[in-house]
């Protein structure tokens, strides 16, 4: 792993081992913020949410459907399904 210390190698390894959990947690946080914001910030949150859903392996068709509906409750259902895995 290049010129990293053992500690840095461990941190990097842990990140990659847990990146799915990190993306799922971030998607949950963004979903909560979606309910509380509006305007341009809300649009940016949607983009960030869809990027996190892609990282979690959600299909492009599902993401396109969520974009079209623009409904946080639908996203909550998708996240709930991901939590059940």
Protein backbone atom coordinates (compact mmCIF):
# COMPACT_ATOMS: atom_id res chain seq x y z
CA UNK A 1 0.00 0.00 0.00
CA UNK A 2 2.59 2.57 -0.89
CA UNK A 3 4.25 4.79 1.68
CA UNK A 4 1.57 4.63 4.37
CA UNK A 5 2.19 3.81 8.02
CA UNK A 6 0.56 0.72 9.48
CA UNK A 7 -2.02 2.93 11.19
CA UNK A 8 -2.88 4.70 7.91
CA UNK A 9 -3.14 1.34 6.13
CA UNK A 10 -5.56 0.14 8.81
CA UNK A 11 -7.69 3.29 8.50
CA UNK A 12 -7.82 2.94 4.70
CA UNK A 13 -8.70 -0.76 4.95
CA UNK A 14 -11.47 -0.06 7.47
CA UNK A 15 -12.90 2.64 5.23
CA UNK A 16 -13.12 0.32 2.24
CA UNK A 17 -14.50 -2.50 4.38
CA UNK A 18 -17.27 -0.23 5.66
CA UNK A 19 -17.97 2.09 2.72
CA UNK A 20 -21.39 0.54 2.09
CA UNK A 21 -22.40 1.27 5.68
CA UNK A 22 -20.99 4.78 5.38
CA UNK A 23 -22.96 5.46 2.19
CA UNK A 24 -26.15 4.07 3.76
CA UNK A 25 -25.76 6.22 6.85
CA UNK A 26 -25.09 9.30 4.71
CA UNK A 27 -28.18 8.56 2.60
CA UNK A 28 -30.25 8.43 5.80
CA UNK A 29 -28.83 11.75 6.97
CA UNK A 30 -29.54 13.39 3.61
CA UNK A 31 -33.09 12.04 3.63
CA UNK A 32 -33.67 13.65 7.03
CA UNK A 33 -32.31 16.96 5.73
CA UNK A 34 -34.62 16.73 2.69
CA UNK A 35 -37.65 16.88 4.95
CA UNK A 36 -36.32 20.02 6.63
CA UNK A 37 -35.08 22.11 3.67
CA UNK A 38 -36.36 23.69 0.50
CA UNK A 39 -35.07 25.65 -2.47
CA UNK A 40 -31.61 25.26 -3.93
CA UNK A 41 -30.24 23.40 -0.93
CA UNK A 42 -32.94 20.78 -1.41
CA UNK A 43 -31.91 20.33 -5.05
CA UNK A 44 -28.27 19.81 -4.02
CA UNK A 45 -29.35 17.29 -1.39
CA UNK A 46 -31.26 15.29 -4.02
CA UNK A 47 -28.14 15.10 -6.19
CA UNK A 48 -26.03 13.98 -3.24
CA UNK A 49 -28.66 11.43 -2.23
CA UNK A 50 -28.74 9.89 -5.69
CA UNK A 51 -24.94 9.64 -5.73
CA UNK A 52 -25.05 7.75 -2.43
CA UNK A 53 -27.77 5.45 -3.73
CA UNK A 54 -25.58 4.65 -6.75
CA UNK A 55 -22.75 3.73 -4.38
CA UNK A 56 -25.15 1.37 -2.63
CA UNK A 57 -25.93 -0.42 -5.87
CA UNK A 58 -29.43 0.91 -6.44
CA UNK A 59 -30.37 0.47 -10.10
CA UNK A 60 -30.42 3.38 -12.52
CA UNK A 61 -34.10 2.72 -13.29
CA UNK A 62 -35.02 3.04 -9.63
CA UNK A 63 -33.00 6.23 -9.26
CA UNK A 64 -34.64 7.70 -12.39
CA UNK A 65 -38.07 6.86 -10.95
CA UNK A 66 -37.18 8.54 -7.64
CA UNK A 67 -35.94 11.62 -9.50
CA UNK A 68 -39.16 11.79 -11.46
CA UNK A 69 -41.42 11.46 -8.40
CA UNK A 70 -39.32 13.79 -6.19
CA UNK A 71 -40.85 12.19 -3.08
CA UNK A 72 -38.72 11.62 0.03
CA UNK A 73 -41.13 8.93 1.25
CA UNK A 74 -40.30 6.76 -1.75
CA UNK A 75 -36.60 7.18 -1.01
CA UNK A 76 -37.28 6.22 2.60
CA UNK A 77 -38.81 2.97 1.35
CA UNK A 78 -35.74 2.21 -0.76
CA UNK A 79 -33.44 2.93 2.19
CA UNK A 80 -35.60 0.72 4.40
CA UNK A 81 -35.17 -2.11 1.89
CA UNK A 82 -31.40 -1.57 1.91
CA UNK A 83 -31.39 -1.73 5.71
CA UNK A 84 -33.19 -5.07 5.52
CA UNK A 85 -30.38 -6.64 3.47
